[in-house]
């Protein structure tokens, strides 16, 4: 952030609230420079090899923070500074309030050099790229980022999806082509399954209902107390999304609010019959105490405490051990999406393979070339392993000279593996720019995970997700307004329908309200954008 840009921020200081919000991500004066001592030039940048710069260079980044460890103290970020010669000033903000603070920073005219893991929307890219606040990256990629260039050349659909209508690339994606699931999968607690002597996991919604009842009634954790929770979720901006992702498919619809069918027709899921059937099923689970009644209010940590206490049968997480605690295990069983009698097979949400908006460079950045080289390391094999698992020798190590296999090392001090990893790398709860390592670097557990995912998910005809695509400025403005009101209403009504605060007898009234709020128009706009994307 530069001194000569301070004028913009004065507008925000009129509001005490804005001042308070901005204080969490650093102030203009915290930089302590007048905009000249950080300047650099391309001659001072090494186009290949490391370090990237031979003279000291400091860059500021704004990123969401999980509040676990200061990024400057994370070994991964310290390794990056040693490797690249670039020091980082962190202007992070808590993840829960990050979007608010990001908007305030954009409004201030006083920008960090880099937006990192910031979940920039394509509307933000169009808006701030068009204004020149975010700079185009495509030439920088071609000249200074061979790892990024290669992955975009290998996956032209990703390049197409991150290229704005004006032909520029304003942000970099997180690439996870080898990640099979769309969102965290659900897992069965193997201890409870064994206590119930379950030989085959459910394949239908009715079989799942029967199993959940057994957990409620048969004391599988053996403590003599009826404290078992058959199915649990936690609150968030989109409540029950972890459950909806996998249960809604049993009634024939993708979890996405907007999806496209096999005939290239765009649909708005929350107003269609499969969604109503899902709500009816979930209301049944709620009424019979098969769904945790704290699901709409508890935090993820509160849910995990119940899971670790051997109370919960079915839950969502990246891997089962991350919730259950302990070491990675092939004993826990991945949930296999079930089907209702409405469909011949469940609709299984497929991963897009990437997430947009994870890295952008602002026009205040004194060294864009060094910045793109800095992030390019995260798209290399070495960089992706560093960011994903922490430095080699701490929690893992290679077991062969070709570096195709790894093994896990004991966690220092006997701590929980994921809790410890969260102190090593920002790639924990934050969508960092990188290529997520593929199966070539897997150990026995991760090879099992790949096979489990193929059996339960990818080999069962998963549905193609709605693509990431740019809207025109006019479309974006309209969609932002429509989705803001619609998503809030849908989320509120989902909770009310499931908990019985609203009867599903009022479904038609609910659909009429959605139509009045513009749900059909929303699908129409996305249909136009999708048709344009298909032919681009």
Protein backbone atom coordinates (compact mmCIF):
# COMPACT_ATOMS: atom_id res chain seq x y z
CA UNK A 1 0.00 0.00 0.00
CA UNK A 2 1.54 3.35 -1.03
CA UNK A 3 1.48 6.74 0.71
CA UNK A 4 0.29 8.46 -2.45
CA UNK A 5 -2.79 6.25 -2.43
CA UNK A 6 -3.96 7.27 1.05
CA UNK A 7 -6.60 9.65 -0.26
CA UNK A 8 -9.00 6.83 -1.12
CA UNK A 9 -8.98 5.37 2.33
CA UNK A 10 -10.01 8.63 3.97
CA UNK A 11 -13.51 8.12 2.62
CA UNK A 12 -13.82 4.96 4.67
CA UNK A 13 -12.56 6.55 7.86
CA UNK A 14 -15.75 8.62 8.03
CA UNK A 15 -17.38 5.45 9.35
CA UNK A 16 -16.20 4.08 12.68
CA UNK A 17 -17.32 0.62 11.55
CA UNK A 18 -15.19 0.78 8.44
CA UNK A 19 -12.21 1.92 10.48
CA UNK A 20 -12.65 -1.00 12.86
CA UNK A 21 -12.94 -3.52 10.05
CA UNK A 22 -9.90 -2.23 8.25
CA UNK A 23 -7.72 -2.36 11.34
CA UNK A 24 -7.69 -6.15 11.21
CA UNK A 25 -5.91 -6.27 7.86
CA UNK A 26 -3.31 -3.58 8.46
CA UNK A 27 -3.35 0.15 8.00
CA UNK A 28 -1.66 2.35 5.49
CA UNK A 29 0.83 3.62 8.06
CA UNK A 30 1.81 0.09 9.05
CA UNK A 31 3.88 -0.12 5.90
CA UNK A 32 6.14 2.68 7.00
CA UNK A 33 7.24 3.66 3.51
CA UNK A 34 6.59 6.35 0.99
CA UNK A 35 6.25 4.06 -1.99
CA UNK A 36 9.84 4.30 -3.20
CA UNK A 37 11.90 1.95 -1.03
CA UNK A 38 10.15 -1.14 -2.40
CA UNK A 39 10.58 -0.35 -6.06
CA UNK A 40 12.44 -2.80 -8.25
CA UNK A 41 13.05 -3.43 -11.94
CA UNK A 42 13.12 -6.42 -14.23
CA UNK A 43 16.91 -6.28 -14.49
CA UNK A 44 17.13 -7.14 -10.79
CA UNK A 45 14.98 -10.26 -11.24
CA UNK A 46 16.43 -13.66 -12.12
CA UNK A 47 14.26 -15.12 -14.83
CA UNK A 48 15.29 -18.66 -13.88
CA UNK A 49 16.56 -20.37 -10.75
CA UNK A 50 16.53 -19.18 -7.16
CA UNK A 51 16.65 -16.80 -5.47
CA UNK A 52 14.28 -14.76 -7.60
CA UNK A 53 15.89 -11.46 -6.60
CA UNK A 54 19.43 -10.58 -5.63
CA UNK A 55 18.46 -7.42 -3.78
CA UNK A 56 16.00 -7.32 -0.83
CA UNK A 57 12.38 -7.16 -1.94
CA UNK A 58 9.32 -6.98 0.30
CA UNK A 59 5.79 -7.56 -0.96
CA UNK A 60 2.49 -7.31 0.90
CA UNK A 61 -0.24 -9.91 0.57
CA UNK A 62 -3.82 -9.90 1.80
CA UNK A 63 -5.26 -13.33 2.55
CA UNK A 64 -7.91 -14.99 4.72
CA UNK A 65 -6.57 -16.31 8.00
CA UNK A 66 -7.79 -19.34 9.96
CA UNK A 67 -6.47 -17.78 13.16
CA UNK A 68 -4.32 -20.80 14.04
CA UNK A 69 -0.80 -19.55 13.40
CA UNK A 70 0.71 -16.29 12.19
CA UNK A 71 1.74 -16.84 8.60
CA UNK A 72 5.15 -15.28 9.21
CA UNK A 73 5.82 -18.09 11.70
CA UNK A 74 4.75 -20.89 9.35
CA UNK A 75 7.70 -23.03 8.17
CA UNK A 76 6.30 -23.14 4.64
CA UNK A 77 6.31 -19.35 4.32
CA UNK A 78 9.75 -19.17 5.91
CA UNK A 79 11.00 -21.72 3.37
CA UNK A 80 9.52 -19.60 0.59
CA UNK A 81 11.41 -16.53 1.81
CA UNK A 82 14.71 -18.45 1.98
CA UNK A 83 14.20 -19.90 -1.49
CA UNK A 84 13.02 -16.78 -3.30
CA UNK A 85 14.72 -13.93 -1.44
CA UNK A 86 11.33 -12.20 -1.20
CA UNK A 87 10.03 -11.21 2.23
CA UNK A 88 6.30 -10.94 2.78
CA UNK A 89 4.27 -8.49 4.83
CA UNK A 90 1.03 -10.20 5.80
CA UNK A 91 -2.13 -8.09 5.83
CA UNK A 92 -4.39 -11.02 6.69
CA UNK A 93 -7.94 -10.89 7.96
CA UNK A 94 -10.04 -13.57 9.70
CA UNK A 95 -11.66 -15.87 7.17
CA UNK A 96 -15.16 -15.23 8.53
CA UNK A 97 -14.93 -11.49 7.86
CA UNK A 98 -12.49 -11.59 4.96
CA UNK A 99 -14.97 -10.77 2.18
CA UNK A 100 -16.12 -7.65 4.02
CA UNK A 101 -12.57 -6.46 4.54
CA UNK A 102 -11.63 -7.29 0.96
CA UNK A 103 -14.47 -5.09 -0.29
CA UNK A 104 -13.37 -2.26 1.99
CA UNK A 105 -9.80 -2.49 0.74
CA UNK A 106 -10.93 -2.38 -2.89
CA UNK A 107 -13.05 0.67 -2.08
CA UNK A 108 -10.18 2.40 -0.28
CA UNK A 109 -7.85 2.77 -3.26
CA UNK A 110 -5.05 1.46 -1.03
CA UNK A 111 -4.24 -2.08 -2.10
CA UNK A 112 -1.92 -4.89 -1.06
CA UNK A 113 0.60 -5.94 -3.68
CA UNK A 114 -0.97 -9.42 -3.92
CA UNK A 115 -4.40 -10.88 -3.19
CA UNK A 116 -3.73 -14.46 -2.07
CA UNK A 117 -6.34 -17.18 -1.50
CA UNK A 118 -8.84 -14.34 -1.68
CA UNK A 119 -11.64 -16.14 -3.56
CA UNK A 120 -11.96 -13.29 -6.03
CA UNK A 121 -15.23 -13.65 -7.86
CA UNK A 122 -15.31 -13.33 -11.60
CA UNK A 123 -17.46 -10.22 -11.14
CA UNK A 124 -14.67 -8.72 -9.02
CA UNK A 125 -12.09 -9.67 -11.63
CA UNK A 126 -14.11 -7.99 -14.38
CA UNK A 127 -14.78 -4.91 -12.30
CA UNK A 128 -11.35 -4.32 -10.80
CA UNK A 129 -9.48 -5.67 -13.79
CA UNK A 130 -11.46 -3.34 -16.02
CA UNK A 131 -10.53 -0.43 -13.76
CA UNK A 132 -6.87 -1.39 -13.88
CA UNK A 133 -6.70 -2.23 -10.16
CA UNK A 134 -5.89 -5.87 -10.94
CA UNK A 135 -3.28 -6.23 -13.65
CA UNK A 136 -3.39 -8.75 -16.54
CA UNK A 137 -1.27 -11.83 -15.95
CA UNK A 138 -1.11 -13.60 -19.31
CA UNK A 139 2.12 -11.96 -20.54
CA UNK A 140 3.75 -12.43 -17.15
CA UNK A 141 2.78 -16.12 -17.28
CA UNK A 142 4.26 -16.55 -20.74
CA UNK A 143 7.53 -14.84 -19.82
CA UNK A 144 8.09 -15.74 -16.17
CA UNK A 145 5.88 -18.65 -15.07
CA UNK A 146 6.69 -21.91 -16.90
CA UNK A 147 4.85 -24.11 -14.39
CA UNK A 148 1.63 -22.12 -14.65
CA UNK A 149 1.95 -21.91 -18.43
CA UNK A 150 2.35 -25.67 -18.70
CA UNK A 151 -0.71 -26.50 -16.62
CA UNK A 152 -2.84 -24.00 -18.58
CA UNK A 153 -1.55 -25.47 -21.85
CA UNK A 154 -2.35 -28.96 -20.57
CA UNK A 155 -5.87 -27.95 -19.55
CA UNK A 156 -7.22 -25.50 -22.16
CA UNK A 157 -10.71 -25.52 -20.58
CA UNK A 158 -9.21 -24.06 -17.41
CA UNK A 159 -7.48 -21.35 -19.43
CA UNK A 160 -10.79 -20.63 -21.15
CA UNK A 161 -12.61 -20.39 -17.83
CA UNK A 162 -10.15 -17.96 -16.24
CA UNK A 163 -9.89 -15.69 -19.29
CA UNK A 164 -12.15 -12.66 -19.03
CA UNK A 165 -14.23 -11.46 -22.00
CA UNK A 166 -11.64 -8.74 -22.64
CA UNK A 167 -9.04 -11.47 -23.26
CA UNK A 168 -7.09 -10.95 -20.04
CA UNK A 169 -6.34 -13.31 -17.16
CA UNK A 170 -6.68 -11.40 -13.88
CA UNK A 171 -6.33 -14.23 -11.38
CA UNK A 172 -4.81 -17.70 -11.07
CA UNK A 173 -6.70 -20.89 -10.23
CA UNK A 174 -6.11 -23.62 -7.70
CA UNK A 175 -5.68 -26.76 -9.82
CA UNK A 176 -6.93 -30.07 -8.46
CA UNK A 177 -7.53 -32.21 -11.51
CA UNK A 178 -6.75 -35.38 -9.60
CA UNK A 179 -9.15 -34.60 -6.78
CA UNK A 180 -12.26 -36.70 -7.53
CA UNK A 181 -14.83 -35.20 -5.21
CA UNK A 182 -16.62 -31.91 -5.60
CA UNK A 183 -16.71 -31.16 -1.89
CA UNK A 184 -15.51 -33.00 1.21
CA UNK A 185 -16.84 -36.56 1.08
CA UNK A 186 -18.86 -38.07 3.89
CA UNK A 187 -17.45 -40.86 6.03
CA UNK A 188 -18.75 -43.61 8.28
CA UNK A 189 -17.17 -44.10 11.69
CA UNK A 190 -15.80 -47.62 11.33
CA UNK A 191 -15.92 -48.29 15.08
CA UNK A 192 -19.67 -47.76 15.13
CA UNK A 193 -20.17 -49.83 11.98
CA UNK A 194 -18.25 -52.72 13.54
CA UNK A 195 -20.20 -52.48 16.79
CA UNK A 196 -23.41 -52.80 14.77
CA UNK A 197 -21.90 -55.65 12.71
CA UNK A 198 -22.68 -53.84 9.46
CA UNK A 199 -21.46 -55.95 6.54
CA UNK A 200 -22.70 -53.79 3.64
CA UNK A 201 -23.09 -50.02 3.67
CA UNK A 202 -26.41 -48.56 2.47
CA UNK A 203 -27.12 -48.17 -1.24
CA UNK A 204 -30.58 -46.56 -0.96
CA UNK A 205 -32.06 -43.74 1.08
CA UNK A 206 -34.25 -46.24 2.94
CA UNK A 207 -31.31 -48.44 3.85
CA UNK A 208 -29.49 -45.35 5.12
CA UNK A 209 -32.55 -44.38 7.18
CA UNK A 210 -32.61 -47.85 8.75
CA UNK A 211 -28.92 -47.72 9.64
CA UNK A 212 -29.24 -44.26 11.19
CA UNK A 213 -32.08 -45.56 13.38
CA UNK A 214 -29.90 -48.42 14.60
CA UNK A 215 -27.20 -45.95 15.64
CA UNK A 216 -29.76 -43.93 17.55
CA UNK A 217 -31.21 -46.94 19.37
CA UNK A 218 -28.50 -49.60 19.86
CA UNK A 219 -25.73 -47.80 21.80
CA UNK A 220 -22.91 -48.75 19.40
CA UNK A 221 -20.31 -46.71 21.32
CA UNK A 222 -21.09 -48.89 24.32
CA UNK A 223 -21.13 -46.24 27.02
CA UNK A 224 -24.63 -47.05 28.24
CA UNK A 225 -25.86 -43.58 27.33
CA UNK A 226 -28.09 -42.70 24.38
CA UNK A 227 -25.68 -40.03 23.13
CA UNK A 228 -25.07 -41.36 19.60
CA UNK A 229 -25.67 -38.94 16.74
CA UNK A 230 -26.45 -40.73 13.47
CA UNK A 231 -25.70 -37.78 11.15
CA UNK A 232 -24.16 -34.41 11.95
CA UNK A 233 -23.29 -31.17 10.17
CA UNK A 234 -22.12 -27.71 11.20
CA UNK A 235 -23.24 -24.18 10.47
CA UNK A 236 -21.74 -21.92 7.86
CA UNK A 237 -22.62 -19.44 5.16
CA UNK A 238 -24.47 -22.23 3.37
CA UNK A 239 -25.80 -24.50 6.09
CA UNK A 240 -25.91 -28.29 5.60
CA UNK A 241 -24.03 -27.95 2.33
CA UNK A 242 -21.77 -30.86 3.24
CA UNK A 243 -24.78 -33.16 3.65
CA UNK A 244 -26.77 -31.70 0.76
CA UNK A 245 -23.88 -32.34 -1.63
CA UNK A 246 -24.26 -36.10 -1.23
CA UNK A 247 -27.88 -36.68 -0.13
CA UNK A 248 -29.61 -34.44 -2.71
CA UNK A 249 -28.11 -36.54 -5.50
CA UNK A 250 -30.16 -39.49 -4.27
CA UNK A 251 -33.22 -37.69 -5.58
CA UNK A 252 -31.73 -36.86 -8.96
CA UNK A 253 -30.31 -33.33 -8.72
CA UNK A 254 -26.84 -31.85 -8.41
CA UNK A 255 -26.06 -29.92 -5.24
CA UNK A 256 -25.22 -26.80 -7.21
CA UNK A 257 -27.77 -24.00 -7.17
CA UNK A 258 -27.31 -23.67 -10.93
CA UNK A 259 -26.69 -26.79 -12.99
CA UNK A 260 -26.88 -27.87 -16.61
CA UNK A 261 -28.42 -31.16 -17.71
CA UNK A 262 -27.34 -33.56 -20.45
CA UNK A 263 -29.30 -31.53 -23.00
CA UNK A 264 -27.38 -28.35 -22.11
CA UNK A 265 -30.41 -26.83 -20.38
CA UNK A 266 -29.70 -24.71 -17.31
CA UNK A 267 -31.78 -25.34 -14.16
CA UNK A 268 -32.29 -23.61 -10.82
CA UNK A 269 -32.15 -26.54 -8.38
CA UNK A 270 -33.98 -25.13 -5.31
CA UNK A 271 -37.30 -24.87 -7.15
CA UNK A 272 -37.40 -28.37 -8.62
CA UNK A 273 -38.98 -31.62 -7.41
CA UNK A 274 -35.74 -33.44 -6.49
CA UNK A 275 -34.97 -30.64 -4.05
CA UNK A 276 -38.42 -30.95 -2.49
CA UNK A 277 -37.90 -34.71 -2.08
CA UNK A 278 -34.54 -34.03 -0.41
CA UNK A 279 -36.17 -31.59 2.03
CA UNK A 280 -38.89 -34.14 2.80
CA UNK A 281 -36.30 -36.80 3.56
CA UNK A 282 -34.20 -34.50 5.73
CA UNK A 283 -37.29 -33.38 7.65
CA UNK A 284 -38.00 -37.03 8.35
CA UNK A 285 -34.48 -37.48 9.74
CA UNK A 286 -34.87 -34.36 11.85
CA UNK A 287 -38.22 -35.40 13.29
CA UNK A 288 -36.83 -38.80 14.33
CA UNK A 289 -33.62 -37.41 15.88
CA UNK A 290 -31.45 -38.94 13.18
CA UNK A 291 -29.97 -35.56 12.20
CA UNK A 292 -28.05 -33.64 14.84
CA UNK A 293 -30.35 -30.87 16.09
CA UNK A 294 -27.35 -28.60 16.55
CA UNK A 295 -26.39 -28.84 12.87
CA UNK A 296 -27.74 -25.39 12.07
CA UNK A 297 -25.97 -23.69 14.98
CA UNK A 298 -22.77 -25.51 15.95
CA UNK A 299 -19.29 -24.71 14.70
CA UNK A 300 -17.12 -27.18 12.85
CA UNK A 301 -14.96 -27.57 15.96
CA UNK A 302 -18.01 -28.43 18.06
CA UNK A 303 -19.05 -31.05 15.51
CA UNK A 304 -15.55 -32.52 15.43
CA UNK A 305 -15.50 -32.78 19.23
CA UNK A 306 -18.53 -35.08 19.01
CA UNK A 307 -16.90 -37.10 16.23
CA UNK A 308 -13.68 -37.55 18.21
CA UNK A 309 -15.80 -38.63 21.18
CA UNK A 310 -17.06 -41.58 19.10
CA UNK A 311 -20.63 -40.27 19.01
CA UNK A 312 -21.22 -39.62 15.30
CA UNK A 313 -21.70 -42.26 12.61
CA UNK A 314 -21.82 -40.18 9.43
CA UNK A 315 -20.02 -36.87 8.86
CA UNK A 316 -18.19 -34.85 6.25
CA UNK A 317 -14.46 -34.05 6.14
CA UNK A 318 -11.56 -34.11 3.69
CA UNK A 319 -10.46 -37.44 5.19
CA UNK A 320 -12.04 -39.36 8.06
CA UNK A 321 -9.00 -39.18 10.33
CA UNK A 322 -9.05 -35.39 10.17
CA UNK A 323 -12.25 -35.46 12.20
CA UNK A 324 -11.76 -38.67 14.16
CA UNK A 325 -8.16 -37.85 15.13
CA UNK A 326 -5.19 -40.17 14.99
CA UNK A 327 -3.29 -41.31 11.93
CA UNK A 328 -4.54 -41.86 8.35
CA UNK A 329 -6.40 -45.16 8.25
CA UNK A 330 -7.91 -47.36 5.57
CA UNK A 331 -10.42 -48.70 8.12
CA UNK A 332 -12.91 -45.85 7.83
CA UNK A 333 -15.43 -46.21 5.04
CA UNK A 334 -16.21 -43.49 2.51
CA UNK A 335 -19.92 -42.80 2.06
CA UNK A 336 -21.26 -44.21 -1.20
CA UNK A 337 -24.05 -41.94 -2.51
CA UNK A 338 -27.44 -43.58 -2.07
CA UNK A 339 -30.44 -43.44 -4.37
CA UNK A 340 -34.15 -43.03 -3.75
CA UNK A 341 -36.92 -44.74 -5.69
CA UNK A 342 -37.16 -41.56 -7.83
CA UNK A 343 -34.01 -42.43 -9.79
CA UNK A 344 -32.11 -45.38 -11.20
CA UNK A 345 -28.80 -43.99 -9.93
CA UNK A 346 -27.76 -41.06 -7.74
CA UNK A 347 -26.52 -37.81 -9.26
CA UNK A 348 -22.93 -37.57 -8.03
CA UNK A 349 -21.28 -34.17 -8.00
CA UNK A 350 -18.03 -34.18 -9.96
CA UNK A 351 -15.16 -31.87 -9.16
CA UNK A 352 -14.55 -29.07 -11.69
CA UNK A 353 -10.85 -29.67 -11.25
CA UNK A 354 -10.04 -26.09 -10.28
CA UNK A 355 -11.15 -23.09 -8.26
CA UNK A 356 -10.80 -19.54 -9.57
CA UNK A 357 -9.65 -16.29 -7.98
CA UNK A 358 -6.83 -17.54 -5.76
CA UNK A 359 -4.04 -15.13 -6.75
CA UNK A 360 -4.02 -11.64 -8.25
CA UNK A 361 -1.55 -8.77 -8.52
CA UNK A 362 -2.64 -5.19 -7.87
CA UNK A 363 -1.47 -2.12 -9.75
CA UNK A 364 0.45 -0.96 -6.66
CA UNK A 365 2.80 -3.97 -6.88
CA UNK A 366 6.38 -2.80 -7.50
CA UNK A 367 7.55 -6.15 -8.91
CA UNK A 368 4.92 -8.08 -10.88
CA UNK A 369 7.57 -10.23 -12.56
CA UNK A 370 9.01 -11.33 -9.22
CA UNK A 371 5.50 -11.89 -7.87
CA UNK A 372 4.49 -14.23 -10.68
CA UNK A 373 7.76 -16.15 -10.30
CA UNK A 374 7.11 -16.40 -6.55
CA UNK A 375 3.68 -17.99 -7.04
CA UNK A 376 4.86 -20.11 -9.99
CA UNK A 377 6.84 -22.27 -7.56
CA UNK A 378 3.53 -23.40 -6.02
CA UNK A 379 2.56 -24.93 -9.36
CA UNK A 380 5.69 -27.09 -9.47
CA UNK A 381 5.88 -30.59 -7.97
CA UNK A 382 8.23 -29.42 -5.22
CA UNK A 383 6.17 -26.34 -4.44
CA UNK A 384 2.85 -28.17 -4.36
CA UNK A 385 4.23 -30.79 -1.97
CA UNK A 386 5.63 -28.05 0.26
CA UNK A 387 2.33 -26.16 0.43
CA UNK A 388 0.18 -29.24 0.74
CA UNK A 389 2.09 -31.20 3.37
CA UNK A 390 4.65 -28.85 4.85
CA UNK A 391 8.45 -29.14 4.56
CA UNK A 392 9.84 -32.57 3.84
CA UNK A 393 11.15 -34.22 6.99
CA UNK A 394 8.50 -32.85 9.33
CA UNK A 395 5.32 -34.84 8.70
CA UNK A 396 6.46 -36.78 5.62
CA UNK A 397 9.44 -37.77 3.50
CA UNK A 398 10.14 -39.25 0.08
CA UNK A 399 10.98 -42.93 0.11
CA UNK A 400 12.67 -43.18 -3.29
CA UNK A 401 15.17 -41.16 -5.29
CA UNK A 402 12.67 -40.49 -8.08
CA UNK A 403 10.36 -38.81 -5.54
CA UNK A 404 7.23 -40.68 -6.56
CA UNK A 405 6.39 -42.23 -3.17
CA UNK A 406 6.16 -40.80 0.30
CA UNK A 407 5.62 -42.01 3.83
CA UNK A 408 4.19 -40.21 6.82
CA UNK A 409 6.43 -39.48 9.80
CA UNK A 410 5.30 -39.47 13.44
CA UNK A 411 3.74 -36.19 14.50
CA UNK A 412 5.98 -34.26 16.87
CA UNK A 413 4.86 -34.33 20.50
CA UNK A 414 2.10 -36.79 19.62
CA UNK A 415 -0.17 -33.98 18.40
CA UNK A 416 -3.08 -34.46 16.02
CA UNK A 417 -1.69 -34.65 12.48
CA UNK A 418 -4.03 -32.10 10.90
CA UNK A 419 -3.79 -29.71 13.84
CA UNK A 420 -0.02 -29.81 13.49
CA UNK A 421 -0.15 -29.37 9.68
CA UNK A 422 -2.31 -26.28 10.15
CA UNK A 423 0.67 -24.60 11.85
CA UNK A 424 3.02 -25.42 8.98
CA UNK A 425 1.18 -24.15 5.89
CA UNK A 426 -1.55 -21.69 4.91
CA UNK A 427 -3.05 -24.49 2.80
CA UNK A 428 -5.48 -25.33 5.59
CA UNK A 429 -9.01 -24.04 5.21
CA UNK A 430 -7.77 -21.52 2.63
CA UNK A 431 -7.86 -22.10 -1.13
CA UNK A 432 -4.24 -21.34 -1.92
CA UNK A 433 -2.92 -21.00 -5.50
CA UNK A 434 -1.18 -24.26 -6.36
CA UNK A 435 -1.47 -27.58 -8.13
CA UNK A 436 -2.75 -30.10 -5.60
CA UNK A 437 -0.37 -33.10 -5.79
CA UNK A 438 -1.64 -36.01 -7.84
CA UNK A 439 -1.52 -39.75 -7.19
CA UNK A 440 2.09 -40.01 -8.41
CA UNK A 441 3.18 -38.85 -4.97
CA UNK A 442 0.82 -41.04 -2.93
CA UNK A 443 1.69 -43.41 -0.16
CA UNK A 444 -0.31 -46.53 0.70
CA UNK A 445 -3.09 -44.57 2.40
CA UNK A 446 -3.52 -42.11 -0.44
CA UNK A 447 -3.45 -44.84 -3.06
CA UNK A 448 -6.27 -46.47 -1.10
CA UNK A 449 -8.07 -43.12 -1.04
CA UNK A 450 -7.82 -42.81 -4.82
CA UNK A 451 -9.27 -46.30 -5.25
CA UNK A 452 -12.02 -45.68 -2.70
CA UNK A 453 -12.97 -42.49 -4.55
CA UNK A 454 -13.07 -44.28 -7.89
CA UNK A 455 -15.28 -47.06 -6.53
CA UNK A 456 -17.69 -44.82 -4.63
CA UNK A 457 -17.76 -41.74 -6.82
CA UNK A 458 -15.97 -41.26 -10.14
CA UNK A 459 -16.68 -44.67 -11.67
CA UNK A 460 -20.40 -44.29 -11.03
CA UNK A 461 -21.15 -41.75 -13.74
CA UNK A 462 -20.76 -38.51 -11.83
CA UNK A 463 -22.41 -35.38 -13.22
CA UNK A 464 -20.46 -32.67 -14.97
CA UNK A 465 -20.59 -29.51 -12.82
CA UNK A 466 -21.64 -26.13 -14.12
CA UNK A 467 -18.50 -24.55 -15.57
CA UNK A 468 -16.74 -21.52 -14.17
CA UNK A 469 -17.54 -18.83 -16.71
CA UNK A 470 -17.49 -15.08 -17.01
CA UNK A 471 -20.65 -13.04 -17.29
CA UNK A 472 -20.80 -9.69 -19.05
CA UNK A 473 -20.77 -6.63 -16.81
CA UNK A 474 -24.53 -6.25 -17.24
CA UNK A 475 -25.18 -9.94 -16.56
CA UNK A 476 -22.92 -9.87 -13.54
CA UNK A 477 -24.73 -6.90 -12.01
CA UNK A 478 -28.10 -8.56 -12.52
CA UNK A 479 -26.98 -11.95 -11.25
CA UNK A 480 -25.32 -10.48 -8.16
CA UNK A 481 -28.58 -8.82 -7.18
CA UNK A 482 -30.73 -11.86 -7.95
CA UNK A 483 -28.49 -14.40 -6.23
CA UNK A 484 -28.03 -12.31 -3.12
CA UNK A 485 -31.73 -12.31 -2.34
CA UNK A 486 -32.46 -15.80 -3.67
CA UNK A 487 -29.60 -17.55 -1.87
CA UNK A 488 -30.51 -15.95 1.44
CA UNK A 489 -34.15 -16.94 1.07
CA UNK A 490 -33.35 -20.50 -0.04
CA UNK A 491 -30.95 -21.01 2.87
CA UNK A 492 -33.48 -19.73 5.37
CA UNK A 493 -36.28 -21.86 3.94
CA UNK A 494 -34.12 -24.99 3.77
CA UNK A 495 -33.57 -24.74 7.52
CA UNK A 496 -37.24 -24.04 8.16
CA UNK A 497 -38.47 -26.92 5.99
CA UNK A 498 -36.03 -29.40 7.51
CA UNK A 499 -36.70 -28.40 11.11
CA UNK A 500 -40.46 -28.21 10.57
CA UNK A 501 -40.77 -24.49 11.23
CA UNK A 502 -42.40 -24.37 7.80
CA UNK A 503 -44.55 -27.21 6.49
CA UNK A 504 -43.73 -28.65 3.09
CA UNK A 505 -47.42 -28.21 2.36
CA UNK A 506 -46.31 -24.67 1.53
CA UNK A 507 -43.96 -25.82 -1.25
CA UNK A 508 -45.97 -24.21 -4.07
CA UNK A 509 -46.04 -20.91 -2.24
CA UNK A 510 -42.26 -21.16 -1.78
CA UNK A 511 -41.73 -21.83 -5.52
CA UNK A 512 -44.01 -18.89 -6.41
CA UNK A 513 -41.90 -16.67 -4.16
CA UNK A 514 -38.71 -17.84 -5.88
CA UNK A 515 -40.19 -17.01 -9.27
CA UNK A 516 -41.21 -13.55 -8.08
CA UNK A 517 -37.67 -13.05 -6.78
CA UNK A 518 -36.28 -13.87 -10.25
CA UNK A 519 -35.24 -17.54 -10.16
CA UNK A 520 -36.41 -18.14 -13.73
CA UNK A 521 -34.62 -15.00 -14.90
CA UNK A 522 -31.45 -16.19 -13.14
CA UNK A 523 -31.53 -19.48 -15.05
CA UNK A 524 -32.15 -17.52 -18.24
CA UNK A 525 -29.07 -15.33 -17.77
CA UNK A 526 -26.90 -18.34 -17.02
CA UNK A 527 -28.30 -20.15 -20.04
CA UNK A 528 -27.17 -17.28 -22.27
CA UNK A 529 -23.73 -17.23 -20.63
CA UNK A 530 -23.40 -21.01 -20.86
CA UNK A 531 -24.32 -21.05 -24.55
CA UNK A 532 -21.71 -18.36 -25.17
CA UNK A 533 -19.08 -20.30 -23.18
CA UNK A 534 -19.83 -23.51 -25.09
CA UNK A 535 -19.06 -21.90 -28.41
CA UNK A 536 -16.12 -19.73 -27.29
